[in-house]
Full PDB file with SEQRES, HELIX, SHEET, SSBOND, CRYST1, ORIGX, SCALE, CONECT and MASTER records, all heavy atoms in Angstrom:
SEQRES   1 A   33  PRO PRO THR PRO PRO LEU THR PHE VAL GLY ASP MET GLY          
SEQRES   2 A   33  GLY GLY GLY ILE TYR LEU ALA LEU GLY MET LEU ALA ALA          
SEQRES   3 A   33  LEU LEU SER ALA GLN ARG THR                                  
HELIX    1 AA1 PHE A    8  ILE A   17  3                                  10    
HELIX    2 AA2 TYR A   18  ARG A   32  1                                  15    
CRYST1    1.000    1.000    1.000  90.00  90.00  90.00 P 1           1          
ORIGX1      1.000000  0.000000  0.000000        0.00000                         
ORIGX2      0.000000  1.000000  0.000000        0.00000                         
ORIGX3      0.000000  0.000000  1.000000        0.00000                         
SCALE1      1.000000  0.000000  0.000000        0.00000                         
SCALE2      0.000000  1.000000  0.000000        0.00000                         
SCALE3      0.000000  0.000000  1.000000        0.00000                         
ATOM      1  N   PRO A   1      -6.368  22.925   1.544  1.00  0.00           N  
ATOM      2  CA  PRO A   1      -7.186  21.967   2.302  1.00  0.00           C  
ATOM      3  C   PRO A   1      -7.052  20.563   1.721  1.00  0.00           C  
ATOM      4  O   PRO A   1      -6.617  20.389   0.578  1.00  0.00           O  
ATOM      5  CB  PRO A   1      -8.620  22.498   2.119  1.00  0.00           C  
ATOM      6  CG  PRO A   1      -8.465  23.906   1.639  1.00  0.00           C  
ATOM      7  CD  PRO A   1      -7.171  23.953   0.882  1.00  0.00           C  
ATOM      8  N   PRO A   2      -7.423  19.543   2.475  1.00  0.00           N  
ATOM      9  CA  PRO A   2      -7.465  18.185   1.922  1.00  0.00           C  
ATOM     10  C   PRO A   2      -8.359  18.160   0.680  1.00  0.00           C  
ATOM     11  O   PRO A   2      -9.393  18.828   0.633  1.00  0.00           O  
ATOM     12  CB  PRO A   2      -8.063  17.352   3.058  1.00  0.00           C  
ATOM     13  CG  PRO A   2      -7.754  18.118   4.298  1.00  0.00           C  
ATOM     14  CD  PRO A   2      -7.818  19.566   3.907  1.00  0.00           C  
ATOM     15  N   THR A   3      -7.955  17.390  -0.318  1.00  0.00           N  
ATOM     16  CA  THR A   3      -8.668  17.355  -1.597  1.00  0.00           C  
ATOM     17  C   THR A   3      -9.438  16.045  -1.758  1.00  0.00           C  
ATOM     18  O   THR A   3      -8.831  14.967  -1.774  1.00  0.00           O  
ATOM     19  CB  THR A   3      -7.674  17.484  -2.771  1.00  0.00           C  
ATOM     20  OG1 THR A   3      -6.957  18.709  -2.641  1.00  0.00           O  
ATOM     21  CG2 THR A   3      -8.405  17.457  -4.095  1.00  0.00           C  
ATOM     22  N   PRO A   4     -10.767  16.074  -1.899  1.00  0.00           N  
ATOM     23  CA  PRO A   4     -11.537  14.844  -2.111  1.00  0.00           C  
ATOM     24  C   PRO A   4     -11.096  14.148  -3.401  1.00  0.00           C  
ATOM     25  O   PRO A   4     -11.142  14.752  -4.480  1.00  0.00           O  
ATOM     26  CB  PRO A   4     -12.983  15.352  -2.223  1.00  0.00           C  
ATOM     27  CG  PRO A   4     -12.987  16.651  -1.472  1.00  0.00           C  
ATOM     28  CD  PRO A   4     -11.643  17.257  -1.747  1.00  0.00           C  
ATOM     29  N   PRO A   5     -10.673  12.891  -3.335  1.00  0.00           N  
ATOM     30  CA  PRO A   5     -10.167  12.176  -4.511  1.00  0.00           C  
ATOM     31  C   PRO A   5     -11.255  11.432  -5.271  1.00  0.00           C  
ATOM     32  O   PRO A   5     -11.125  10.248  -5.578  1.00  0.00           O  
ATOM     33  CB  PRO A   5      -9.164  11.203  -3.894  1.00  0.00           C  
ATOM     34  CG  PRO A   5      -9.775  10.861  -2.574  1.00  0.00           C  
ATOM     35  CD  PRO A   5     -10.465  12.120  -2.089  1.00  0.00           C  
ATOM     36  N   LEU A   6     -12.364  12.114  -5.572  1.00  0.00           N  
ATOM     37  CA  LEU A   6     -13.542  11.452  -6.144  1.00  0.00           C  
ATOM     38  C   LEU A   6     -13.912  10.290  -5.218  1.00  0.00           C  
ATOM     39  O   LEU A   6     -13.832  10.424  -4.012  1.00  0.00           O  
ATOM     40  CB  LEU A   6     -13.276  11.021  -7.588  1.00  0.00           C  
ATOM     41  CG  LEU A   6     -12.943  12.185  -8.555  1.00  0.00           C  
ATOM     42  CD1 LEU A   6     -12.646  11.661  -9.957  1.00  0.00           C  
ATOM     43  CD2 LEU A   6     -14.059  13.208  -8.588  1.00  0.00           C  
ATOM     44  N   THR A   7     -14.297   9.135  -5.769  1.00  0.00           N  
ATOM     45  CA  THR A   7     -14.664   8.015  -4.887  1.00  0.00           C  
ATOM     46  C   THR A   7     -13.718   6.836  -5.043  1.00  0.00           C  
ATOM     47  O   THR A   7     -14.055   5.710  -4.675  1.00  0.00           O  
ATOM     48  CB  THR A   7     -16.105   7.552  -5.164  1.00  0.00           C  
ATOM     49  OG1 THR A   7     -16.216   7.147  -6.547  1.00  0.00           O  
ATOM     50  CG2 THR A   7     -17.105   8.657  -4.886  1.00  0.00           C  
ATOM     51  N   PHE A   8     -12.537   7.093  -5.586  1.00  0.00           N  
ATOM     52  CA  PHE A   8     -11.602   6.001  -5.851  1.00  0.00           C  
ATOM     53  C   PHE A   8     -11.096   5.335  -4.571  1.00  0.00           C  
ATOM     54  O   PHE A   8     -10.990   4.118  -4.486  1.00  0.00           O  
ATOM     55  CB  PHE A   8     -10.392   6.510  -6.654  1.00  0.00           C  
ATOM     56  CG  PHE A   8     -10.738   7.049  -8.007  1.00  0.00           C  
ATOM     57  CD1 PHE A   8     -10.205   8.238  -8.457  1.00  0.00           C  
ATOM     58  CD2 PHE A   8     -11.601   6.358  -8.842  1.00  0.00           C  
ATOM     59  CE1 PHE A   8     -10.512   8.736  -9.719  1.00  0.00           C  
ATOM     60  CE2 PHE A   8     -11.924   6.844 -10.099  1.00  0.00           C  
ATOM     61  CZ  PHE A   8     -11.381   8.043 -10.540  1.00  0.00           C  
ATOM     62  N   VAL A   9     -10.771   6.134  -3.566  1.00  0.00           N  
ATOM     63  CA  VAL A   9     -10.141   5.612  -2.358  1.00  0.00           C  
ATOM     64  C   VAL A   9     -11.150   4.914  -1.454  1.00  0.00           C  
ATOM     65  O   VAL A   9     -10.859   3.868  -0.878  1.00  0.00           O  
ATOM     66  CB  VAL A   9      -9.435   6.749  -1.581  1.00  0.00           C  
ATOM     67  CG1 VAL A   9      -8.825   6.211  -0.288  1.00  0.00           C  
ATOM     68  CG2 VAL A   9      -8.360   7.397  -2.449  1.00  0.00           C  
ATOM     69  N   GLY A  10     -12.351   5.490  -1.331  1.00  0.00           N  
ATOM     70  CA  GLY A  10     -13.349   4.961  -0.412  1.00  0.00           C  
ATOM     71  C   GLY A  10     -14.315   3.989  -1.052  1.00  0.00           C  
ATOM     72  O   GLY A  10     -14.109   2.775  -1.034  1.00  0.00           O  
ATOM     73  N   ASP A  11     -15.390   4.501  -1.622  1.00  0.00           N  
ATOM     74  CA  ASP A  11     -16.456   3.648  -2.139  1.00  0.00           C  
ATOM     75  C   ASP A  11     -15.955   2.554  -3.071  1.00  0.00           C  
ATOM     76  O   ASP A  11     -16.307   1.383  -2.915  1.00  0.00           O  
ATOM     77  CB  ASP A  11     -17.482   4.498  -2.897  1.00  0.00           C  
ATOM     78  CG  ASP A  11     -18.371   5.302  -1.963  1.00  0.00           C  
ATOM     79  OD1 ASP A  11     -18.264   5.124  -0.740  1.00  0.00           O  
ATOM     80  OD2 ASP A  11     -19.168   6.110  -2.462  1.00  0.00           O  
ATOM     81  N   MET A  12     -15.169   2.930  -4.059  1.00  0.00           N  
ATOM     82  CA  MET A  12     -14.781   1.964  -5.085  1.00  0.00           C  
ATOM     83  C   MET A  12     -13.613   1.079  -4.647  1.00  0.00           C  
ATOM     84  O   MET A  12     -13.709  -0.148  -4.655  1.00  0.00           O  
ATOM     85  CB  MET A  12     -14.428   2.691  -6.394  1.00  0.00           C  
ATOM     86  CG  MET A  12     -15.529   3.596  -6.895  1.00  0.00           C  
ATOM     87  SD  MET A  12     -17.105   2.714  -7.112  1.00  0.00           S  
ATOM     88  CE  MET A  12     -18.236   4.091  -7.234  1.00  0.00           C  
ATOM     89  N   GLY A  13     -12.498   1.704  -4.267  1.00  0.00           N  
ATOM     90  CA  GLY A  13     -11.316   0.929  -3.890  1.00  0.00           C  
ATOM     91  C   GLY A  13     -11.440   0.279  -2.530  1.00  0.00           C  
ATOM     92  O   GLY A  13     -11.329  -0.940  -2.390  1.00  0.00           O  
ATOM     93  N   GLY A  14     -11.699   1.091  -1.502  1.00  0.00           N  
ATOM     94  CA  GLY A  14     -11.772   0.562  -0.149  1.00  0.00           C  
ATOM     95  C   GLY A  14     -13.052  -0.191   0.140  1.00  0.00           C  
ATOM     96  O   GLY A  14     -13.112  -0.975   1.083  1.00  0.00           O  
ATOM     97  N   GLY A  15     -14.082   0.020  -0.674  1.00  0.00           N  
ATOM     98  CA  GLY A  15     -15.361  -0.637  -0.456  1.00  0.00           C  
ATOM     99  C   GLY A  15     -15.640  -1.763  -1.422  1.00  0.00           C  
ATOM    100  O   GLY A  15     -15.477  -2.940  -1.116  1.00  0.00           O  
ATOM    101  N   GLY A  16     -16.074  -1.404  -2.631  1.00  0.00           N  
ATOM    102  CA  GLY A  16     -16.532  -2.403  -3.592  1.00  0.00           C  
ATOM    103  C   GLY A  16     -15.512  -3.460  -3.947  1.00  0.00           C  
ATOM    104  O   GLY A  16     -15.824  -4.659  -3.985  1.00  0.00           O  
ATOM    105  N   ILE A  17     -14.278  -3.059  -4.199  1.00  0.00           N  
ATOM    106  CA  ILE A  17     -13.261  -4.036  -4.608  1.00  0.00           C  
ATOM    107  C   ILE A  17     -12.865  -4.929  -3.443  1.00  0.00           C  
ATOM    108  O   ILE A  17     -12.618  -6.134  -3.618  1.00  0.00           O  
ATOM    109  CB  ILE A  17     -12.030  -3.314  -5.194  1.00  0.00           C  
ATOM    110  CG1 ILE A  17     -12.424  -2.575  -6.476  1.00  0.00           C  
ATOM    111  CG2 ILE A  17     -10.917  -4.316  -5.501  1.00  0.00           C  
ATOM    112  CD1 ILE A  17     -13.032  -3.466  -7.561  1.00  0.00           C  
ATOM    113  N   TYR A  18     -12.825  -4.375  -2.221  1.00  0.00           N  
ATOM    114  CA  TYR A  18     -12.507  -5.214  -1.065  1.00  0.00           C  
ATOM    115  C   TYR A  18     -13.622  -6.220  -0.786  1.00  0.00           C  
ATOM    116  O   TYR A  18     -13.347  -7.351  -0.381  1.00  0.00           O  
ATOM    117  CB  TYR A  18     -12.232  -4.350   0.172  1.00  0.00           C  
ATOM    118  CG  TYR A  18     -10.784  -3.973   0.300  1.00  0.00           C  
ATOM    119  CD1 TYR A  18     -10.281  -2.848  -0.337  1.00  0.00           C  
ATOM    120  CD2 TYR A  18      -9.894  -4.758   1.027  1.00  0.00           C  
ATOM    121  CE1 TYR A  18      -8.941  -2.499  -0.247  1.00  0.00           C  
ATOM    122  CE2 TYR A  18      -8.557  -4.418   1.129  1.00  0.00           C  
ATOM    123  CZ  TYR A  18      -8.081  -3.292   0.485  1.00  0.00           C  
ATOM    124  OH  TYR A  18      -6.747  -2.951   0.574  1.00  0.00           O  
ATOM    125  N   LEU A  19     -14.876  -5.821  -1.003  1.00  0.00           N  
ATOM    126  CA  LEU A  19     -15.956  -6.792  -0.826  1.00  0.00           C  
ATOM    127  C   LEU A  19     -15.857  -7.888  -1.875  1.00  0.00           C  
ATOM    128  O   LEU A  19     -16.041  -9.069  -1.564  1.00  0.00           O  
ATOM    129  CB  LEU A  19     -17.324  -6.105  -0.898  1.00  0.00           C  
ATOM    130  CG  LEU A  19     -18.530  -7.042  -0.765  1.00  0.00           C  
ATOM    131  CD1 LEU A  19     -18.469  -7.863   0.517  1.00  0.00           C  
ATOM    132  CD2 LEU A  19     -19.837  -6.254  -0.827  1.00  0.00           C  
ATOM    133  N   ALA A  20     -15.553  -7.514  -3.117  1.00  0.00           N  
ATOM    134  CA  ALA A  20     -15.403  -8.528  -4.161  1.00  0.00           C  
ATOM    135  C   ALA A  20     -14.270  -9.497  -3.815  1.00  0.00           C  
ATOM    136  O   ALA A  20     -14.408 -10.721  -3.969  1.00  0.00           O  
ATOM    137  CB  ALA A  20     -15.136  -7.866  -5.517  1.00  0.00           C  
ATOM    138  N   LEU A  21     -13.158  -8.970  -3.339  1.00  0.00           N  
ATOM    139  CA  LEU A  21     -12.030  -9.812  -2.944  1.00  0.00           C  
ATOM    140  C   LEU A  21     -12.433 -10.736  -1.792  1.00  0.00           C  
ATOM    141  O   LEU A  21     -12.131 -11.941  -1.791  1.00  0.00           O  
ATOM    142  CB  LEU A  21     -10.851  -8.933  -2.519  1.00  0.00           C  
ATOM    143  CG  LEU A  21      -9.614  -9.642  -1.985  1.00  0.00           C  
ATOM    144  CD1 LEU A  21      -9.002 -10.536  -3.047  1.00  0.00           C  
ATOM    145  CD2 LEU A  21      -8.594  -8.627  -1.485  1.00  0.00           C  
ATOM    146  N   GLY A  22     -13.144 -10.173  -0.802  1.00  0.00           N  
ATOM    147  CA  GLY A  22     -13.596 -10.975   0.319  1.00  0.00           C  
ATOM    148  C   GLY A  22     -14.577 -12.048  -0.092  1.00  0.00           C  
ATOM    149  O   GLY A  22     -14.527 -13.188   0.405  1.00  0.00           O  
ATOM    150  N   MET A  23     -15.476 -11.720  -1.015  1.00  0.00           N  
ATOM    151  CA  MET A  23     -16.436 -12.709  -1.508  1.00  0.00           C  
ATOM    152  C   MET A  23     -15.715 -13.873  -2.185  1.00  0.00           C  
ATOM    153  O   MET A  23     -16.028 -15.048  -1.952  1.00  0.00           O  
ATOM    154  CB  MET A  23     -17.398 -12.052  -2.494  1.00  0.00           C  
ATOM    155  CG  MET A  23     -18.334 -11.011  -1.903  1.00  0.00           C  
ATOM    156  SD  MET A  23     -19.586 -11.666  -0.779  1.00  0.00           S  
ATOM    157  CE  MET A  23     -20.608 -12.610  -1.902  1.00  0.00           C  
ATOM    158  N   LEU A  24     -14.735 -13.555  -3.015  1.00  0.00           N  
ATOM    159  CA  LEU A  24     -14.019 -14.607  -3.737  1.00  0.00           C  
ATOM    160  C   LEU A  24     -13.222 -15.496  -2.782  1.00  0.00           C  
ATOM    161  O   LEU A  24     -13.179 -16.716  -2.943  1.00  0.00           O  
ATOM    162  CB  LEU A  24     -13.105 -13.987  -4.792  1.00  0.00           C  
ATOM    163  CG  LEU A  24     -13.825 -13.279  -5.942  1.00  0.00           C  
ATOM    164  CD1 LEU A  24     -12.824 -12.604  -6.868  1.00  0.00           C  
ATOM    165  CD2 LEU A  24     -14.675 -14.259  -6.734  1.00  0.00           C  
ATOM    166  N   ALA A  25     -12.593 -14.875  -1.781  1.00  0.00           N  
ATOM    167  CA  ALA A  25     -11.840 -15.660  -0.801  1.00  0.00           C  
ATOM    168  C   ALA A  25     -12.771 -16.581  -0.017  1.00  0.00           C  
ATOM    169  O   ALA A  25     -12.474 -17.762   0.215  1.00  0.00           O  
ATOM    170  CB  ALA A  25     -11.085 -14.736   0.149  1.00  0.00           C  
ATOM    171  N   ALA A  26     -13.928 -16.051   0.390  1.00  0.00           N  
ATOM    172  CA  ALA A  26     -14.887 -16.853   1.150  1.00  0.00           C  
ATOM    173  C   ALA A  26     -15.506 -17.946   0.278  1.00  0.00           C  
ATOM    174  O   ALA A  26     -15.820 -19.042   0.770  1.00  0.00           O  
ATOM    175  CB  ALA A  26     -15.968 -15.961   1.734  1.00  0.00           C  
ATOM    176  N   LEU A  27     -15.689 -17.672  -1.007  1.00  0.00           N  
ATOM    177  CA  LEU A  27     -16.213 -18.697  -1.917  1.00  0.00           C  
ATOM    178  C   LEU A  27     -15.223 -19.848  -2.072  1.00  0.00           C  
ATOM    179  O   LEU A  27     -15.615 -21.016  -2.129  1.00  0.00           O  
ATOM    180  CB  LEU A  27     -16.530 -18.076  -3.282  1.00  0.00           C  
ATOM    181  CG  LEU A  27     -17.791 -17.203  -3.336  1.00  0.00           C  
ATOM    182  CD1 LEU A  27     -17.821 -16.381  -4.613  1.00  0.00           C  
ATOM    183  CD2 LEU A  27     -19.041 -18.074  -3.241  1.00  0.00           C  
ATOM    184  N   LEU A  28     -13.934 -19.520  -2.137  1.00  0.00           N  
ATOM    185  CA  LEU A  28     -12.920 -20.576  -2.186  1.00  0.00           C  
ATOM    186  C   LEU A  28     -12.979 -21.428  -0.922  1.00  0.00           C  
ATOM    187  O   LEU A  28     -12.905 -22.665  -0.977  1.00  0.00           O  
ATOM    188  CB  LEU A  28     -11.524 -19.962  -2.335  1.00  0.00           C  
ATOM    189  CG  LEU A  28     -11.102 -19.512  -3.727  1.00  0.00           C  
ATOM    190  CD1 LEU A  28      -9.755 -18.800  -3.663  1.00  0.00           C  
ATOM    191  CD2 LEU A  28     -11.005 -20.711  -4.669  1.00  0.00           C  
ATOM    192  N   SER A  29     -13.116 -20.762   0.217  1.00  0.00           N  
ATOM    193  CA  SER A  29     -13.203 -21.487   1.478  1.00  0.00           C  
ATOM    194  C   SER A  29     -14.440 -22.379   1.512  1.00  0.00           C  
ATOM    195  O   SER A  29     -14.383 -23.536   1.951  1.00  0.00           O  
ATOM    196  CB  SER A  29     -13.238 -20.492   2.647  1.00  0.00           C  
ATOM    197  OG  SER A  29     -13.442 -21.159   3.869  1.00  0.00           O  
ATOM    198  N   ALA A  30     -15.569 -21.861   1.032  1.00  0.00           N  
ATOM    199  CA  ALA A  30     -16.810 -22.636   1.042  1.00  0.00           C  
ATOM    200  C   ALA A  30     -16.706 -23.869   0.149  1.00  0.00           C  
ATOM    201  O   ALA A  30     -17.235 -24.938   0.473  1.00  0.00           O  
ATOM    202  CB  ALA A  30     -17.979 -21.755   0.599  1.00  0.00           C  
ATOM    203  N   GLN A  31     -16.015 -23.729  -0.977  1.00  0.00           N  
ATOM    204  CA  GLN A  31     -15.825 -24.871  -1.866  1.00  0.00           C  
ATOM    205  C   GLN A  31     -15.022 -25.972  -1.184  1.00  0.00           C  
ATOM    206  O   GLN A  31     -15.280 -27.163  -1.385  1.00  0.00           O  
ATOM    207  CB  GLN A  31     -15.118 -24.426  -3.154  1.00  0.00           C  
ATOM    208  CG  GLN A  31     -15.995 -23.606  -4.083  1.00  0.00           C  
ATOM    209  CD  GLN A  31     -15.240 -23.160  -5.320  1.00  0.00           C  
ATOM    210  OE1 GLN A  31     -14.031 -23.405  -5.458  1.00  0.00           O  
ATOM    211  NE2 GLN A  31     -15.932 -22.485  -6.224  1.00  0.00           N  
ATOM    212  N   ARG A  32     -14.059 -25.581  -0.370  1.00  0.00           N  
ATOM    213  CA  ARG A  32     -13.173 -26.560   0.266  1.00  0.00           C  
ATOM    214  C   ARG A  32     -13.746 -27.142   1.554  1.00  0.00           C  
ATOM    215  O   ARG A  32     -13.504 -28.300   1.880  1.00  0.00           O  
ATOM    216  CB  ARG A  32     -11.820 -25.908   0.555  1.00  0.00           C  
ATOM    217  CG  ARG A  32     -11.060 -25.521  -0.702  1.00  0.00           C  
ATOM    218  CD  ARG A  32      -9.820 -24.701  -0.385  1.00  0.00           C  
ATOM    219  NE  ARG A  32      -9.091 -24.334  -1.596  1.00  0.00           N  
ATOM    220  CZ  ARG A  32      -8.078 -23.481  -1.642  1.00  0.00           C  
ATOM    221  NH1 ARG A  32      -7.679 -22.881  -0.524  1.00  0.00           N  
ATOM    222  NH2 ARG A  32      -7.468 -23.213  -2.774  1.00  0.00           N  
ATOM    223  N   THR A  33     -14.509 -26.312   2.267  1.00  0.00           N  
ATOM    224  CA  THR A  33     -14.973 -26.741   3.588  1.00  0.00           C  
ATOM    225  C   THR A  33     -16.465 -27.044   3.648  1.00  0.00           C  
ATOM    226  O   THR A  33     -16.938 -27.668   4.598  1.00  0.00           O  
ATOM    227  CB  THR A  33     -14.672 -25.656   4.639  1.00  0.00           C  
ATOM    228  OG1 THR A  33     -15.472 -24.494   4.356  1.00  0.00           O  
ATOM    229  CG2 THR A  33     -13.197 -25.285   4.625  1.00  0.00           C  
TER     230      THR A  33                                                      
MASTER        0    0    0    2    0    0    0    6  229    1    0    3          
END                                                                             
């Protein structure tokens, strides 16, 4: 059967780190605009 890969792929990688990346990108935009 498919094997749950802990929370690396979803919560942590696909969720938390992408939000952090998005926050930083938007903060750069806010500084400029």
